[in-house]
C-alpha atoms as a PDB file:
ATOM      1  CA  MET A   1      -6.093 -25.578  26.876  1.00  0.00           C
ATOM      2  CA  ASN A   2      -7.173 -27.500  23.964  1.00  0.00           C
ATOM      3  CA  ALA A   3     -10.820 -27.015  23.531  1.00  0.00           C
ATOM      4  CA  SER A   4     -12.651 -29.069  21.072  1.00  0.00           C
ATOM      5  CA  HIS A   5     -14.175 -27.120  18.194  1.00  0.00           C
ATOM      6  CA  PRO A   6     -16.758 -28.868  16.160  1.00  0.00           C
ATOM      7  CA  SER A   7     -16.065 -28.734  12.530  1.00  0.00           C
ATOM      8  CA  VAL A   8     -18.913 -27.766  10.253  1.00  0.00           C
ATOM      9  CA  HIS A   9     -19.090 -29.315   6.861  1.00  0.00           C
ATOM     10  CA  PRO A  10     -21.569 -27.517   4.663  1.00  0.00           C
ATOM     11  CA  ILE A  11     -24.021 -29.736   2.849  1.00  0.00           C
ATOM     12  CA  GLU A  12     -25.667 -28.519  -0.290  1.00  0.00           C
ATOM     13  CA  ALA A  13     -29.396 -28.223   0.009  1.00  0.00           C
ATOM     14  CA  PRO A  14     -31.357 -30.060  -2.670  1.00  0.00           C
ATOM     15  CA  PRO A  15     -32.937 -27.802  -5.234  1.00  0.00           C
ATOM     16  CA  LEU A  16     -36.440 -26.699  -4.322  1.00  0.00           C
ATOM     17  CA  THR A  17     -37.832 -27.574  -7.714  1.00  0.00           C
ATOM     18  CA  ASP A  18     -36.775 -30.325  -9.980  1.00  0.00           C
ATOM     19  CA  ALA A  19     -37.009 -28.767 -13.411  1.00  0.00           C
ATOM     20  CA  ALA A  20     -37.417 -32.101 -15.183  1.00  0.00           C
ATOM     21  CA  ASN A  21     -40.263 -33.446 -13.033  1.00  0.00           C
ATOM     22  CA  ASN A  22     -42.121 -30.327 -11.926  1.00  0.00           C
ATOM     23  CA  ALA A  23     -42.025 -28.337 -15.116  1.00  0.00           C
ATOM     24  CA  PRO A  24     -45.386 -26.904 -16.069  1.00  0.00           C
ATOM     25  CA  ARG A  25     -47.230 -29.126 -18.457  1.00  0.00           C
ATOM     26  CA  PRO A  26     -47.512 -27.684 -21.920  1.00  0.00           C
ATOM     27  CA  ARG A  27     -51.011 -26.598 -22.810  1.00  0.00           C
ATOM     28  CA  MET A  28     -52.725 -28.214 -25.707  1.00  0.00           C
ATOM     29  CA  LYS A  29     -52.955 -25.958 -28.719  1.00  0.00           C
ATOM     30  CA  ASP A  30     -56.264 -24.457 -29.586  1.00  0.00           C
ATOM     31  CA  ILE A  31     -57.451 -26.595 -32.465  1.00  0.00           C
ATOM     32  CA  GLN A  32     -59.716 -24.877 -34.962  1.00  0.00           C
ATOM     33  CA  GLY A  33     -63.263 -25.885 -34.115  1.00  0.00           C
ATOM     34  CA  MET A  34     -62.818 -25.608 -30.367  1.00  0.00           C
ATOM     35  CA  PRO A  35     -64.618 -22.843 -28.451  1.00  0.00           C
ATOM     36  CA  GLY A  36     -63.010 -19.447 -28.786  1.00  0.00           C
ATOM     37  CA  THR A  37     -61.428 -20.112 -32.178  1.00  0.00           C
ATOM     38  CA  ALA A  38     -62.404 -18.863 -35.618  1.00  0.00           C
ATOM     39  CA  GLY A  39     -63.161 -22.439 -36.687  1.00  0.00           C
ATOM     40  CA  GLY A  40     -65.437 -22.869 -33.676  1.00  0.00           C
ATOM     41  CA  LEU A  41     -67.284 -19.694 -34.622  1.00  0.00           C
ATOM     42  CA  VAL A  42     -67.759 -20.936 -38.202  1.00  0.00           C
ATOM     43  CA  LEU A  43     -69.133 -24.257 -36.917  1.00  0.00           C
ATOM     44  CA  ARG A  44     -71.541 -22.451 -34.567  1.00  0.00           C
ATOM     45  CA  LEU A  45     -72.781 -20.157 -37.310  1.00  0.00           C
ATOM     46  CA  CYS A  46     -73.308 -23.121 -39.669  1.00  0.00           C
ATOM     47  CA  GLN A  47     -75.208 -24.974 -36.935  1.00  0.00           C
ATOM     48  CA  PHE A  48     -77.383 -21.926 -36.406  1.00  0.00           C
ATOM     49  CA  LEU A  49     -78.066 -21.330 -40.106  1.00  0.00           C
ATOM     50  CA  PHE A  50     -78.960 -24.952 -40.852  1.00  0.00           C
ATOM     51  CA  ALA A  51     -81.238 -25.190 -37.809  1.00  0.00           C
ATOM     52  CA  VAL A  52     -83.004 -21.917 -38.681  1.00  0.00           C
ATOM     53  CA  ALA A  53     -83.405 -23.112 -42.273  1.00  0.00           C
ATOM     54  CA  ALA A  54     -84.972 -26.367 -41.034  1.00  0.00           C
ATOM     55  CA  VAL A  55     -87.433 -24.463 -38.839  1.00  0.00           C
ATOM     56  CA  CYS A  56     -88.323 -21.961 -41.554  1.00  0.00           C
ATOM     57  CA  VAL A  57     -88.839 -24.559 -44.284  1.00  0.00           C
ATOM     58  CA  MET A  58     -90.913 -26.811 -42.035  1.00  0.00           C
ATOM     59  CA  ALA A  59     -92.954 -23.902 -40.680  1.00  0.00           C
ATOM     60  CA  SER A  60     -93.709 -22.754 -44.236  1.00  0.00           C
ATOM     61  CA  THR A  61     -95.921 -25.798 -44.698  1.00  0.00           C
ATOM     62  CA  SER A  62     -99.455 -25.645 -43.406  1.00  0.00           C
ATOM     63  CA  ASP A  63     -99.776 -29.270 -42.340  1.00  0.00           C
ATOM     64  CA  PHE A  64     -96.551 -30.008 -40.443  1.00  0.00           C
ATOM     65  CA  THR A  65     -98.428 -29.811 -37.135  1.00  0.00           C
ATOM     66  CA  THR A  66    -100.413 -32.943 -37.996  1.00  0.00           C
ATOM     67  CA  VAL A  67     -97.293 -35.133 -37.709  1.00  0.00           C
ATOM     68  CA  THR A  68     -95.570 -35.444 -34.345  1.00  0.00           C
ATOM     69  CA  ALA A  69     -92.140 -36.096 -35.849  1.00  0.00           C
ATOM     70  CA  PHE A  70     -92.296 -32.828 -37.781  1.00  0.00           C
ATOM     71  CA  CYS A  71     -93.308 -30.925 -34.639  1.00  0.00           C
ATOM     72  CA  TYR A  72     -90.388 -32.575 -32.851  1.00  0.00           C
ATOM     73  CA  LEU A  73     -88.075 -31.464 -35.663  1.00  0.00           C
ATOM     74  CA  VAL A  74     -89.221 -27.860 -35.278  1.00  0.00           C
ATOM     75  CA  ALA A  75     -88.752 -27.988 -31.503  1.00  0.00           C
ATOM     76  CA  ALA A  76     -85.300 -29.629 -31.718  1.00  0.00           C
ATOM     77  CA  ALA A  77     -84.122 -27.291 -34.473  1.00  0.00           C
ATOM     78  CA  GLY A  78     -85.411 -24.319 -32.487  1.00  0.00           C
ATOM     79  CA  LEU A  79     -83.428 -25.443 -29.447  1.00  0.00           C
ATOM     80  CA  GLN A  80     -80.392 -26.079 -31.658  1.00  0.00           C
ATOM     81  CA  SER A  81     -80.596 -22.605 -33.160  1.00  0.00           C
ATOM     82  CA  PHE A  82     -80.879 -20.981 -29.723  1.00  0.00           C
ATOM     83  CA  TRP A  83     -77.928 -22.981 -28.368  1.00  0.00           C
ATOM     84  CA  SER A  84     -75.746 -22.368 -31.422  1.00  0.00           C
ATOM     85  CA  LEU A  85     -76.476 -18.644 -31.485  1.00  0.00           C
ATOM     86  CA  SER A  86     -75.632 -18.371 -27.774  1.00  0.00           C
ATOM     87  CA  MET A  87     -72.365 -20.237 -28.260  1.00  0.00           C
ATOM     88  CA  ALA A  88     -71.536 -18.133 -31.344  1.00  0.00           C
ATOM     89  CA  ILE A  89     -71.962 -14.965 -29.285  1.00  0.00           C
ATOM     90  CA  ILE A  90     -69.622 -16.392 -26.646  1.00  0.00           C
ATOM     91  CA  ASP A  91     -67.112 -17.304 -29.373  1.00  0.00           C
ATOM     92  CA  ILE A  92     -67.298 -13.796 -30.833  1.00  0.00           C
ATOM     93  CA  TYR A  93     -66.684 -12.305 -27.392  1.00  0.00           C
ATOM     94  CA  ALA A  94     -63.738 -14.634 -26.770  1.00  0.00           C
ATOM     95  CA  LEU A  95     -62.208 -13.752 -30.140  1.00  0.00           C
ATOM     96  CA  LEU A  96     -62.668 -10.017 -29.628  1.00  0.00           C
ATOM     97  CA  VAL A  97     -61.062  -9.928 -26.176  1.00  0.00           C
ATOM     98  CA  LYS A  98     -58.569 -12.679 -27.108  1.00  0.00           C
ATOM     99  CA  ARG A  99     -59.751 -14.861 -24.254  1.00  0.00           C
ATOM    100  CA  CYS A 100     -59.106 -18.595 -24.108  1.00  0.00           C
ATOM    101  CA  LEU A 101     -62.152 -20.724 -23.311  1.00  0.00           C
ATOM    102  CA  ARG A 102     -60.228 -23.639 -21.809  1.00  0.00           C
ATOM    103  CA  ASN A 103     -61.675 -23.594 -18.288  1.00  0.00           C
ATOM    104  CA  SER A 104     -62.790 -27.118 -17.397  1.00  0.00           C
ATOM    105  CA  HIS A 105     -66.186 -25.918 -16.144  1.00  0.00           C
ATOM    106  CA  ILE A 106     -66.860 -24.006 -19.348  1.00  0.00           C
ATOM    107  CA  VAL A 107     -65.720 -26.912 -21.512  1.00  0.00           C
ATOM    108  CA  SER A 108     -67.966 -29.247 -19.474  1.00  0.00           C
ATOM    109  CA  LEU A 109     -70.936 -26.973 -20.103  1.00  0.00           C
ATOM    110  CA  PHE A 110     -70.158 -26.808 -23.833  1.00  0.00           C
ATOM    111  CA  THR A 111     -69.731 -30.581 -24.038  1.00  0.00           C
ATOM    112  CA  ILE A 112     -72.991 -31.368 -22.251  1.00  0.00           C
ATOM    113  CA  GLY A 113     -74.931 -28.783 -24.264  1.00  0.00           C
ATOM    114  CA  ASP A 114     -73.500 -29.964 -27.569  1.00  0.00           C
ATOM    115  CA  GLY A 115     -74.165 -33.600 -26.657  1.00  0.00           C
ATOM    116  CA  ILE A 116     -77.791 -32.931 -25.759  1.00  0.00           C
ATOM    117  CA  THR A 117     -78.546 -30.775 -28.779  1.00  0.00           C
ATOM    118  CA  ALA A 118     -76.725 -33.160 -31.133  1.00  0.00           C
ATOM    119  CA  THR A 119     -78.750 -36.094 -29.842  1.00  0.00           C
ATOM    120  CA  LEU A 120     -82.034 -34.208 -30.099  1.00  0.00           C
ATOM    121  CA  ILE A 121     -81.472 -32.853 -33.611  1.00  0.00           C
ATOM    122  CA  PHE A 122     -80.274 -36.244 -34.871  1.00  0.00           C
ATOM    123  CA  ALA A 123     -83.294 -38.039 -33.411  1.00  0.00           C
ATOM    124  CA  ALA A 124     -85.645 -35.440 -34.874  1.00  0.00           C
ATOM    125  CA  ALA A 125     -83.999 -35.644 -38.295  1.00  0.00           C
ATOM    126  CA  CYS A 126     -84.210 -39.439 -38.289  1.00  0.00           C
ATOM    127  CA  ALA A 127     -87.866 -39.414 -37.251  1.00  0.00           C
ATOM    128  CA  SER A 128     -88.718 -36.837 -39.903  1.00  0.00           C
ATOM    129  CA  ALA A 129     -86.811 -38.795 -42.536  1.00  0.00           C
ATOM    130  CA  GLY A 130     -88.811 -41.883 -41.644  1.00  0.00           C
ATOM    131  CA  ILE A 131     -92.119 -40.061 -41.959  1.00  0.00           C
ATOM    132  CA  THR A 132     -91.013 -38.423 -45.208  1.00  0.00           C
ATOM    133  CA  VAL A 133     -90.150 -41.829 -46.689  1.00  0.00           C
ATOM    134  CA  LEU A 134     -93.475 -43.177 -45.446  1.00  0.00           C
ATOM    135  CA  ILE A 135     -95.438 -40.363 -47.081  1.00  0.00           C
ATOM    136  CA  GLY A 136     -93.447 -40.283 -50.308  1.00  0.00           C
ATOM    137  CA  ASP A 137     -92.571 -43.883 -51.057  1.00  0.00           C
ATOM    138  CA  ASP A 138     -94.962 -46.095 -49.122  1.00  0.00           C
ATOM    139  CA  LEU A 139     -98.176 -44.085 -49.279  1.00  0.00           C
ATOM    140  CA  ASN A 140     -97.421 -42.332 -52.606  1.00  0.00           C
ATOM    141  CA  ASP A 141     -99.144 -39.282 -51.181  1.00  0.00           C
ATOM    142  CA  CYS A 142     -96.747 -36.506 -52.236  1.00  0.00           C
ATOM    143  CA  ALA A 143     -99.382 -34.884 -54.449  1.00  0.00           C
ATOM    144  CA  GLN A 144    -101.341 -33.767 -51.389  1.00  0.00           C
ATOM    145  CA  ASN A 145     -98.348 -33.159 -49.099  1.00  0.00           C
ATOM    146  CA  HIS A 146     -95.289 -30.963 -49.237  1.00  0.00           C
ATOM    147  CA  CYS A 147     -92.745 -33.747 -49.660  1.00  0.00           C
ATOM    148  CA  ALA A 148     -90.046 -31.531 -51.136  1.00  0.00           C
ATOM    149  CA  ARG A 149     -90.280 -29.127 -48.195  1.00  0.00           C
ATOM    150  CA  PHE A 150     -90.325 -31.969 -45.681  1.00  0.00           C
ATOM    151  CA  GLU A 151     -87.237 -33.466 -47.321  1.00  0.00           C
ATOM    152  CA  THR A 152     -85.484 -30.089 -47.379  1.00  0.00           C
ATOM    153  CA  ALA A 153     -86.197 -29.435 -43.706  1.00  0.00           C
ATOM    154  CA  THR A 154     -85.004 -32.926 -42.833  1.00  0.00           C
ATOM    155  CA  ALA A 155     -81.820 -32.428 -44.852  1.00  0.00           C
ATOM    156  CA  MET A 156     -81.169 -29.098 -43.083  1.00  0.00           C
ATOM    157  CA  ALA A 157     -81.608 -30.834 -39.720  1.00  0.00           C
ATOM    158  CA  PHE A 158     -79.107 -33.519 -40.722  1.00  0.00           C
ATOM    159  CA  LEU A 159     -76.651 -30.831 -41.847  1.00  0.00           C
ATOM    160  CA  SER A 160     -77.111 -29.063 -38.528  1.00  0.00           C
ATOM    161  CA  TRP A 161     -76.330 -32.310 -36.720  1.00  0.00           C
ATOM    162  CA  PHE A 162     -73.338 -32.853 -38.994  1.00  0.00           C
ATOM    163  CA  THR A 163     -71.897 -29.491 -37.911  1.00  0.00           C
ATOM    164  CA  VAL A 164     -72.697 -30.053 -34.218  1.00  0.00           C
ATOM    165  CA  SER A 165     -70.794 -33.335 -34.144  1.00  0.00           C
ATOM    166  CA  PRO A 166     -67.271 -31.866 -34.555  1.00  0.00           C
ATOM    167  CA  SER A 167     -68.010 -29.301 -31.837  1.00  0.00           C
ATOM    168  CA  PHE A 168     -69.127 -32.027 -29.450  1.00  0.00           C
ATOM    169  CA  LEU A 169     -66.235 -34.348 -30.265  1.00  0.00           C
ATOM    170  CA  LEU A 170     -63.586 -31.627 -29.911  1.00  0.00           C
ATOM    171  CA  ASN A 171     -65.053 -30.417 -26.610  1.00  0.00           C
ATOM    172  CA  PHE A 172     -65.305 -33.969 -25.303  1.00  0.00           C
ATOM    173  CA  TRP A 173     -61.739 -34.702 -26.364  1.00  0.00           C
ATOM    174  CA  SER A 174     -60.519 -31.519 -24.691  1.00  0.00           C
ATOM    175  CA  LEU A 175     -62.384 -32.431 -21.517  1.00  0.00           C
ATOM    176  CA  ALA A 176     -61.097 -36.020 -21.523  1.00  0.00           C
ATOM    177  CA  SER A 177     -57.472 -34.999 -22.109  1.00  0.00           C
ATOM    178  CA  ARG A 178     -57.232 -33.012 -18.875  1.00  0.00           C
END
């Protein structure tokens, strides 16, 4: 009896992963200035020092409370110093435990915080610069006021903003490139 036997032709199964298409995406390098890097820590410490200098110089005058822009500068620089010191402590921790701060939620928090503080310190510095020019150049009243101290505090606020800007831009770029 001739019984029919089915013939089996093995077919190769496709590979489960296509190495070319499903390879893990390379992570972006940690650029100095981003959170958790030595450059980021230096930027945070500079932000903190300039903001504290602005507060101290402005608070050393007796009549800064009579001008709203100067009070706003003290408040914005105080917030900037608190934010920068907090972020510097986080950077120090990340450097000590060799931890990468690339989580999207953490980067979002850093970006929003840097954006808010950068906007506030820049607005306060601009307002204080305007009042300082008004007092010094337009009213010619520097003999009775502390123009040099007002100008120094304003310059420190601008330097604080200048060091916040790279932090914000790098965090925003990191967030946008995800």
